[in-house]
Amino acid sequence: MKMEMLAHKILGYLILGAFPIFFIGMWCMVGYKIAQHGWSDFARLYRVDKLPQGRTYWWQSGSFNWQGSYARVINVIISPEGICLSTSLLFRCGHPPLLVPWPNVIKVEEKGFTFLLKYLRITMTGGERTFRLRLPIWAKEEVLKYKPLSSL
């Protein structure tokens, strides 16, 4: 009877110890799979190891051609070199930081219909992929230092 209880206890500890490893592995695998919907294509062109200096906007949103959507998980740095995109720490697996140079920013638009709902939509290209970034309207002054608003 004692041996059976000891075996159950050991099994319980193994399951408790294995679950975090399994969960982290699954989380990384899903993050890597999500990155295949556009981020990895941009990473082949724009991957950086060191983040540039500039104004940072945390927890922003964007999407790749309506396929890979990133709601409030993108950190953006506006710098003289271009627009740097990185994901929040929890979503970093499979998503290296990117620096899209200003010539590859093809459109900057002001969207929304009232002051409270206005935002900037910035469209960038990389190969055959397009990424649309959404920034708060108060980022407008910083972005306009490097790229003019697109005409309609």
N, C-alpha and C. Protein backbone atom coordinates (compact mmCIF):
# COMPACT_ATOMS: atom_id res chain seq x y z
N MET A 1 0.82 -1.19 0.00
CA MET A 1 0.00 0.00 0.00
C MET A 1 0.87 1.27 0.00
N LYS A 2 1.94 1.27 0.82
CA LYS A 2 2.83 2.42 0.87
C LYS A 2 3.54 2.62 -0.45
N MET A 3 3.91 1.52 -1.10
CA MET A 3 4.60 1.60 -2.38
C MET A 3 3.68 2.20 -3.45
N GLU A 4 2.41 1.84 -3.40
CA GLU A 4 1.42 2.36 -4.36
C GLU A 4 1.22 3.86 -4.15
N MET A 5 1.15 4.30 -2.89
CA MET A 5 0.99 5.73 -2.60
C MET A 5 2.23 6.51 -3.03
N LEU A 6 3.39 5.92 -2.83
CA LEU A 6 4.63 6.56 -3.24
C LEU A 6 4.67 6.70 -4.77
N ALA A 7 4.23 5.68 -5.49
CA ALA A 7 4.19 5.72 -6.95
C ALA A 7 3.24 6.81 -7.44
N HIS A 8 2.07 6.94 -6.80
CA HIS A 8 1.12 8.00 -7.16
C HIS A 8 1.69 9.38 -6.89
N LYS A 9 2.40 9.51 -5.77
CA LYS A 9 3.01 10.79 -5.41
C LYS A 9 4.08 11.17 -6.44
N ILE A 10 4.92 10.21 -6.80
CA ILE A 10 5.97 10.47 -7.79
C ILE A 10 5.36 10.84 -9.14
N LEU A 11 4.32 10.11 -9.53
CA LEU A 11 3.63 10.41 -10.79
C LEU A 11 3.05 11.83 -10.77
N GLY A 12 2.47 12.20 -9.65
CA GLY A 12 1.93 13.56 -9.51
C GLY A 12 2.99 14.62 -9.66
N TYR A 13 4.15 14.42 -9.03
CA TYR A 13 5.25 15.37 -9.15
C TYR A 13 5.77 15.45 -10.59
N LEU A 14 5.84 14.31 -11.26
CA LEU A 14 6.28 14.30 -12.67
C LEU A 14 5.33 15.09 -13.55
N ILE A 15 4.04 14.90 -13.33
CA ILE A 15 3.04 15.63 -14.12
C ILE A 15 3.14 17.12 -13.83
N LEU A 16 3.24 17.48 -12.56
CA LEU A 16 3.36 18.90 -12.20
C LEU A 16 4.64 19.52 -12.78
N GLY A 17 5.70 18.78 -12.80
CA GLY A 17 6.96 19.28 -13.35
C GLY A 17 6.95 19.34 -14.87
N ALA A 18 6.26 18.42 -15.51
CA ALA A 18 6.24 18.37 -16.97
C ALA A 18 5.27 19.38 -17.58
N PHE A 19 4.23 19.73 -16.84
CA PHE A 19 3.22 20.63 -17.41
C PHE A 19 3.80 21.99 -17.82
N PRO A 20 4.58 22.67 -16.98
CA PRO A 20 5.14 23.95 -17.42
C PRO A 20 6.01 23.83 -18.66
N ILE A 21 6.79 22.78 -18.74
CA ILE A 21 7.64 22.57 -19.92
C ILE A 21 6.78 22.35 -21.15
N PHE A 22 5.74 21.55 -21.03
CA PHE A 22 4.81 21.30 -22.13
C PHE A 22 4.12 22.60 -22.54
N PHE A 23 3.64 23.38 -21.57
CA PHE A 23 2.91 24.62 -21.86
C PHE A 23 3.81 25.63 -22.58
N ILE A 24 5.03 25.80 -22.08
CA ILE A 24 5.96 26.75 -22.71
C ILE A 24 6.31 26.29 -24.13
N GLY A 25 6.51 25.00 -24.30
CA GLY A 25 6.79 24.46 -25.63
C GLY A 25 5.64 24.71 -26.60
N MET A 26 4.41 24.49 -26.15
CA MET A 26 3.23 24.73 -27.00
C MET A 26 3.09 26.21 -27.31
N TRP A 27 3.32 27.08 -26.30
CA TRP A 27 3.22 28.53 -26.50
C TRP A 27 4.21 28.98 -27.58
N CYS A 28 5.45 28.49 -27.50
CA CYS A 28 6.47 28.86 -28.49
C CYS A 28 6.11 28.32 -29.87
N MET A 29 5.58 27.12 -29.93
CA MET A 29 5.21 26.54 -31.22
C MET A 29 4.08 27.34 -31.87
N VAL A 30 3.09 27.74 -31.09
CA VAL A 30 1.99 28.55 -31.63
C VAL A 30 2.51 29.91 -32.07
N GLY A 31 3.38 30.54 -31.27
CA GLY A 31 3.97 31.83 -31.66
C GLY A 31 4.75 31.74 -32.95
N TYR A 32 5.51 30.68 -33.10
CA TYR A 32 6.27 30.46 -34.33
C TYR A 32 5.32 30.28 -35.52
N LYS A 33 4.25 29.54 -35.34
CA LYS A 33 3.28 29.30 -36.42
C LYS A 33 2.59 30.59 -36.83
N ILE A 34 2.23 31.42 -35.86
CA ILE A 34 1.59 32.71 -36.16
C ILE A 34 2.55 33.58 -36.97
N ALA A 35 3.84 33.53 -36.64
CA ALA A 35 4.84 34.34 -37.34
C ALA A 35 4.93 33.98 -38.82
N GLN A 36 4.53 32.79 -39.20
CA GLN A 36 4.60 32.35 -40.59
C GLN A 36 3.60 33.08 -41.49
N HIS A 37 2.67 33.83 -40.90
CA HIS A 37 1.68 34.57 -41.68
C HIS A 37 2.15 35.97 -42.03
N GLY A 38 3.44 36.21 -42.11
CA GLY A 38 3.94 37.50 -42.56
C GLY A 38 5.16 38.00 -41.83
N TRP A 39 5.20 37.83 -40.52
CA TRP A 39 6.33 38.36 -39.75
C TRP A 39 7.64 37.75 -40.23
N SER A 40 7.64 36.46 -40.50
CA SER A 40 8.88 35.79 -40.92
C SER A 40 9.35 36.31 -42.29
N ASP A 41 8.41 36.66 -43.18
CA ASP A 41 8.80 37.25 -44.47
C ASP A 41 9.48 38.60 -44.27
N PHE A 42 8.91 39.42 -43.39
CA PHE A 42 9.52 40.71 -43.09
C PHE A 42 10.86 40.52 -42.40
N ALA A 43 10.97 39.50 -41.56
CA ALA A 43 12.22 39.25 -40.82
C ALA A 43 13.36 38.92 -41.77
N ARG A 44 13.08 38.26 -42.88
CA ARG A 44 14.13 37.97 -43.86
C ARG A 44 14.73 39.26 -44.43
N LEU A 45 13.92 40.30 -44.49
CA LEU A 45 14.37 41.58 -45.07
C LEU A 45 14.82 42.59 -44.02
N TYR A 46 14.14 42.63 -42.89
CA TYR A 46 14.30 43.76 -41.97
C TYR A 46 14.75 43.39 -40.56
N ARG A 47 15.15 42.17 -40.32
CA ARG A 47 15.52 41.75 -38.97
C ARG A 47 16.71 42.58 -38.44
N VAL A 48 16.63 42.96 -37.17
CA VAL A 48 17.72 43.68 -36.51
C VAL A 48 18.02 43.02 -35.17
N ASP A 49 19.26 43.16 -34.76
CA ASP A 49 19.66 42.61 -33.46
C ASP A 49 19.61 43.68 -32.37
N LYS A 50 19.82 44.92 -32.77
CA LYS A 50 19.84 46.02 -31.81
C LYS A 50 18.73 47.01 -32.16
N LEU A 51 17.92 47.35 -31.16
CA LEU A 51 16.84 48.30 -31.37
C LEU A 51 17.40 49.71 -31.51
N PRO A 52 16.86 50.51 -32.44
CA PRO A 52 17.35 51.88 -32.61
C PRO A 52 16.84 52.79 -31.49
N GLN A 53 17.44 53.95 -31.38
CA GLN A 53 16.97 54.98 -30.45
C GLN A 53 15.82 55.72 -31.12
N GLY A 54 14.84 56.11 -30.36
CA GLY A 54 13.73 56.87 -30.90
C GLY A 54 12.55 56.86 -29.94
N ARG A 55 11.47 57.45 -30.40
CA ARG A 55 10.23 57.53 -29.60
C ARG A 55 9.53 56.18 -29.65
N THR A 56 9.16 55.64 -28.48
CA THR A 56 8.54 54.31 -28.39
C THR A 56 7.06 54.43 -28.09
N TYR A 57 6.28 53.62 -28.80
CA TYR A 57 4.84 53.50 -28.58
C TYR A 57 4.55 52.04 -28.25
N TRP A 58 4.13 51.81 -27.01
CA TRP A 58 3.91 50.45 -26.53
C TRP A 58 2.51 49.96 -26.87
N TRP A 59 2.37 48.64 -26.99
CA TRP A 59 1.08 47.95 -27.11
C TRP A 59 0.24 48.45 -28.29
N GLN A 60 0.84 48.50 -29.47
CA GLN A 60 0.13 48.93 -30.67
C GLN A 60 -0.38 47.72 -31.45
N SER A 61 -1.14 47.97 -32.52
CA SER A 61 -1.75 46.90 -33.30
C SER A 61 -1.35 47.00 -34.77
N GLY A 62 -1.44 45.88 -35.47
CA GLY A 62 -1.14 45.85 -36.90
C GLY A 62 -1.53 44.51 -37.49
N SER A 63 -1.47 44.44 -38.83
CA SER A 63 -1.83 43.17 -39.49
C SER A 63 -1.12 43.04 -40.83
N PHE A 64 -0.93 41.79 -41.24
CA PHE A 64 -0.35 41.45 -42.53
C PHE A 64 -1.45 41.01 -43.48
N ASN A 65 -1.74 41.80 -44.47
CA ASN A 65 -2.68 41.40 -45.53
C ASN A 65 -3.91 40.67 -45.01
N TRP A 66 -4.42 41.07 -43.88
CA TRP A 66 -5.62 40.47 -43.28
C TRP A 66 -5.39 39.02 -42.83
N GLN A 67 -4.15 38.56 -42.74
CA GLN A 67 -3.88 37.18 -42.33
C GLN A 67 -3.37 37.13 -40.89
N GLY A 68 -2.22 37.68 -40.65
CA GLY A 68 -1.65 37.67 -39.30
C GLY A 68 -1.98 38.97 -38.60
N SER A 69 -2.79 38.92 -37.59
CA SER A 69 -3.22 40.12 -36.88
C SER A 69 -2.57 40.17 -35.50
N TYR A 70 -2.09 41.34 -35.13
CA TYR A 70 -1.42 41.54 -33.86
C TYR A 70 -2.14 42.66 -33.11
N ALA A 71 -3.03 42.30 -32.20
CA ALA A 71 -3.83 43.28 -31.47
C ALA A 71 -3.16 43.63 -30.14
N ARG A 72 -2.65 44.85 -30.05
CA ARG A 72 -2.06 45.38 -28.84
C ARG A 72 -0.87 44.58 -28.30
N VAL A 73 -0.04 44.04 -29.20
CA VAL A 73 1.15 43.31 -28.77
C VAL A 73 2.43 43.82 -29.43
N ILE A 74 2.32 44.87 -30.24
CA ILE A 74 3.49 45.38 -30.97
C ILE A 74 4.02 46.64 -30.30
N ASN A 75 5.32 46.67 -30.08
CA ASN A 75 6.00 47.87 -29.60
C ASN A 75 6.67 48.52 -30.80
N VAL A 76 6.48 49.82 -30.95
CA VAL A 76 6.95 50.55 -32.13
C VAL A 76 7.94 51.62 -31.70
N ILE A 77 9.05 51.71 -32.43
CA ILE A 77 10.02 52.79 -32.22
C ILE A 77 10.11 53.57 -33.52
N ILE A 78 9.82 54.86 -33.45
CA ILE A 78 9.96 55.74 -34.60
C ILE A 78 11.35 56.36 -34.51
N SER A 79 12.20 56.09 -35.51
CA SER A 79 13.58 56.56 -35.48
C SER A 79 13.97 57.13 -36.85
N PRO A 80 15.10 57.83 -36.94
CA PRO A 80 15.55 58.33 -38.23
C PRO A 80 15.81 57.20 -39.24
N GLU A 81 16.15 56.00 -38.77
CA GLU A 81 16.44 54.88 -39.67
C GLU A 81 15.16 54.26 -40.25
N GLY A 82 14.05 54.37 -39.53
CA GLY A 82 12.80 53.77 -39.99
C GLY A 82 11.89 53.46 -38.82
N ILE A 83 10.96 52.55 -39.05
CA ILE A 83 10.02 52.13 -38.01
C ILE A 83 10.43 50.75 -37.51
N CYS A 84 10.71 50.69 -36.23
CA CYS A 84 11.11 49.42 -35.61
C CYS A 84 9.89 48.77 -34.97
N LEU A 85 9.69 47.50 -35.27
CA LEU A 85 8.57 46.73 -34.72
C LEU A 85 9.13 45.58 -33.89
N SER A 86 8.61 45.42 -32.71
CA SER A 86 8.95 44.25 -31.89
C SER A 86 7.70 43.84 -31.14
N THR A 87 7.63 42.58 -30.78
CA THR A 87 6.47 42.12 -30.04
C THR A 87 6.75 42.15 -28.55
N SER A 88 5.70 42.16 -27.77
CA SER A 88 5.82 42.10 -26.32
C SER A 88 6.49 40.79 -25.93
N LEU A 89 7.08 40.76 -24.77
CA LEU A 89 7.87 39.62 -24.32
C LEU A 89 7.13 38.28 -24.45
N LEU A 90 5.88 38.23 -24.08
CA LEU A 90 5.12 36.98 -24.14
C LEU A 90 4.96 36.44 -25.56
N PHE A 91 5.08 37.30 -26.55
CA PHE A 91 4.85 36.90 -27.94
C PHE A 91 6.13 36.93 -28.77
N ARG A 92 7.28 36.98 -28.14
CA ARG A 92 8.55 37.14 -28.82
C ARG A 92 8.98 35.91 -29.62
N CYS A 93 8.56 34.72 -29.22
CA CYS A 93 8.99 33.48 -29.88
C CYS A 93 8.58 33.50 -31.36
N GLY A 94 9.57 33.42 -32.25
CA GLY A 94 9.30 33.44 -33.69
C GLY A 94 9.13 34.83 -34.26
N HIS A 95 9.27 35.86 -33.42
CA HIS A 95 9.06 37.25 -33.86
C HIS A 95 10.27 38.11 -33.52
N PRO A 96 11.35 38.06 -34.31
CA PRO A 96 12.50 38.92 -34.03
C PRO A 96 12.14 40.38 -34.30
N PRO A 97 12.86 41.32 -33.70
CA PRO A 97 12.61 42.74 -33.98
C PRO A 97 12.88 43.06 -35.45
N LEU A 98 12.10 44.00 -35.98
CA LEU A 98 12.22 44.42 -37.38
C LEU A 98 12.48 45.91 -37.43
N LEU A 99 13.23 46.35 -38.43
CA LEU A 99 13.42 47.77 -38.69
C LEU A 99 13.11 48.01 -40.16
N VAL A 100 11.93 48.58 -40.41
CA VAL A 100 11.49 48.86 -41.78
C VAL A 100 11.98 50.26 -42.14
N PRO A 101 12.87 50.38 -43.16
CA PRO A 101 13.39 51.70 -43.53
C PRO A 101 12.28 52.59 -44.11
N TRP A 102 12.45 53.89 -43.97
CA TRP A 102 11.43 54.85 -44.42
C TRP A 102 11.05 54.70 -45.89
N PRO A 103 11.96 54.37 -46.81
CA PRO A 103 11.53 54.20 -48.21
C PRO A 103 10.51 53.06 -48.40
N ASN A 104 10.47 52.11 -47.47
CA ASN A 104 9.52 51.01 -47.57
C ASN A 104 8.20 51.30 -46.84
N VAL A 105 8.11 52.48 -46.25
CA VAL A 105 6.84 52.95 -45.70
C VAL A 105 6.13 53.65 -46.85
N ILE A 106 5.08 53.03 -47.37
CA ILE A 106 4.49 53.54 -48.61
C ILE A 106 3.30 54.47 -48.39
N LYS A 107 2.70 54.44 -47.20
CA LYS A 107 1.54 55.29 -46.98
C LYS A 107 1.39 55.60 -45.49
N VAL A 108 1.11 56.87 -45.20
CA VAL A 108 0.78 57.32 -43.86
C VAL A 108 -0.54 58.06 -43.95
N GLU A 109 -1.56 57.54 -43.28
CA GLU A 109 -2.90 58.11 -43.38
C GLU A 109 -3.46 58.41 -42.00
N GLU A 110 -4.25 59.47 -41.95
CA GLU A 110 -5.00 59.78 -40.74
C GLU A 110 -6.39 59.18 -40.93
N LYS A 111 -6.81 58.34 -40.00
CA LYS A 111 -8.10 57.66 -40.10
C LYS A 111 -8.97 58.01 -38.90
N GLY A 112 -10.25 57.67 -38.98
CA GLY A 112 -11.19 57.95 -37.90
C GLY A 112 -11.99 59.20 -38.21
N PHE A 113 -13.09 59.38 -37.48
CA PHE A 113 -13.97 60.50 -37.81
C PHE A 113 -14.16 61.50 -36.66
N THR A 114 -13.74 61.22 -35.47
CA THR A 114 -13.77 62.21 -34.40
C THR A 114 -12.41 62.22 -33.72
N PHE A 115 -12.17 63.24 -32.94
CA PHE A 115 -10.86 63.35 -32.29
C PHE A 115 -10.55 62.12 -31.44
N LEU A 116 -11.52 61.61 -30.72
CA LEU A 116 -11.29 60.47 -29.84
C LEU A 116 -11.01 59.18 -30.60
N LEU A 117 -11.50 59.08 -31.83
CA LEU A 117 -11.33 57.84 -32.60
C LEU A 117 -10.29 57.95 -33.70
N LYS A 118 -9.61 59.09 -33.80
CA LYS A 118 -8.61 59.25 -34.85
C LYS A 118 -7.35 58.46 -34.54
N TYR A 119 -6.71 57.97 -35.60
CA TYR A 119 -5.46 57.24 -35.47
C TYR A 119 -4.69 57.35 -36.77
N LEU A 120 -3.42 56.96 -36.74
CA LEU A 120 -2.59 56.91 -37.95
C LEU A 120 -2.54 55.47 -38.44
N ARG A 121 -2.72 55.28 -39.73
CA ARG A 121 -2.51 53.96 -40.32
C ARG A 121 -1.30 54.07 -41.24
N ILE A 122 -0.29 53.28 -40.94
CA ILE A 122 0.96 53.31 -41.68
C ILE A 122 1.10 52.00 -42.43
N THR A 123 1.26 52.08 -43.74
CA THR A 123 1.38 50.89 -44.58
C THR A 123 2.83 50.73 -45.01
N MET A 124 3.36 49.51 -44.81
CA MET A 124 4.74 49.20 -45.15
C MET A 124 4.77 47.98 -46.06
N THR A 125 5.79 47.89 -46.91
CA THR A 125 5.91 46.72 -47.77
C THR A 125 7.24 46.01 -47.50
N GLY A 126 7.20 44.72 -47.78
CA GLY A 126 8.39 43.89 -47.70
C GLY A 126 8.20 42.72 -48.63
N GLY A 127 8.82 42.77 -49.79
CA GLY A 127 8.60 41.73 -50.78
C GLY A 127 7.16 41.80 -51.27
N GLU A 128 6.44 40.70 -51.16
CA GLU A 128 5.04 40.66 -51.59
C GLU A 128 4.08 40.93 -50.44
N ARG A 129 4.59 41.11 -49.26
CA ARG A 129 3.76 41.32 -48.07
C ARG A 129 3.54 42.81 -47.79
N THR A 130 2.40 43.10 -47.21
CA THR A 130 2.08 44.45 -46.77
C THR A 130 1.71 44.38 -45.30
N PHE A 131 2.22 45.31 -44.53
CA PHE A 131 1.89 45.38 -43.10
C PHE A 131 1.24 46.72 -42.84
N ARG A 132 0.10 46.69 -42.16
CA ARG A 132 -0.60 47.91 -41.78
C ARG A 132 -0.51 48.08 -40.27
N LEU A 133 0.11 49.18 -39.87
CA LEU A 133 0.32 49.48 -38.47
C LEU A 133 -0.64 50.57 -38.05
N ARG A 134 -1.18 50.43 -36.85
CA ARG A 134 -2.09 51.44 -36.31
C ARG A 134 -1.41 52.11 -35.13
N LEU A 135 -1.26 53.44 -35.21
CA LEU A 135 -0.63 54.21 -34.14
C LEU A 135 -1.60 55.26 -33.63
N PRO A 136 -1.46 55.68 -32.38
CA PRO A 136 -2.33 56.75 -31.86
C PRO A 136 -2.07 58.06 -32.60
N ILE A 137 -3.07 58.91 -32.66
CA ILE A 137 -2.96 60.16 -33.40
C ILE A 137 -1.84 61.05 -32.85
N TRP A 138 -1.51 60.93 -31.56
CA TRP A 138 -0.44 61.76 -31.01
C TRP A 138 0.94 61.35 -31.51
N ALA A 139 1.05 60.26 -32.28
CA ALA A 139 2.32 59.87 -32.90
C ALA A 139 2.54 60.61 -34.22
N LYS A 140 1.54 61.34 -34.66
CA LYS A 140 1.58 62.00 -35.97
C LYS A 140 2.79 62.93 -36.11
N GLU A 141 3.03 63.76 -35.13
CA GLU A 141 4.14 64.73 -35.21
C GLU A 141 5.47 64.01 -35.39
N GLU A 142 5.67 62.92 -34.64
CA GLU A 142 6.92 62.16 -34.72
C GLU A 142 7.08 61.51 -36.10
N VAL A 143 6.02 60.91 -36.62
CA VAL A 143 6.07 60.23 -37.92
C VAL A 143 6.30 61.25 -39.04
N LEU A 144 5.66 62.41 -38.95
CA LEU A 144 5.78 63.43 -40.00
C LEU A 144 7.19 64.02 -40.11
N LYS A 145 8.03 63.80 -39.11
CA LYS A 145 9.44 64.23 -39.20
C LYS A 145 10.14 63.46 -40.33
N TYR A 146 9.67 62.24 -40.62
CA TYR A 146 10.37 61.37 -41.55
C TYR A 146 9.56 61.01 -42.80
N LYS A 147 8.24 61.10 -42.71
CA LYS A 147 7.39 60.70 -43.83
C LYS A 147 6.15 61.57 -43.85
N PRO A 148 5.80 62.19 -45.01
CA PRO A 148 4.60 63.02 -45.07
C PRO A 148 3.32 62.18 -45.11
N LEU A 149 2.21 62.80 -44.74
CA LEU A 149 0.91 62.13 -44.89
C LEU A 149 0.66 61.86 -46.36
N SER A 150 0.04 60.75 -46.67
CA SER A 150 -0.27 60.41 -48.06
C SER A 150 -1.50 61.18 -48.48
N SER A 151 -1.51 61.62 -49.74
CA SER A 151 -2.68 62.31 -50.26
C SER A 151 -3.70 61.28 -50.72
N LEU A 152 -4.96 61.64 -50.62
CA LEU A 152 -6.03 60.70 -50.98
C LEU A 152 -6.20 60.56 -52.43
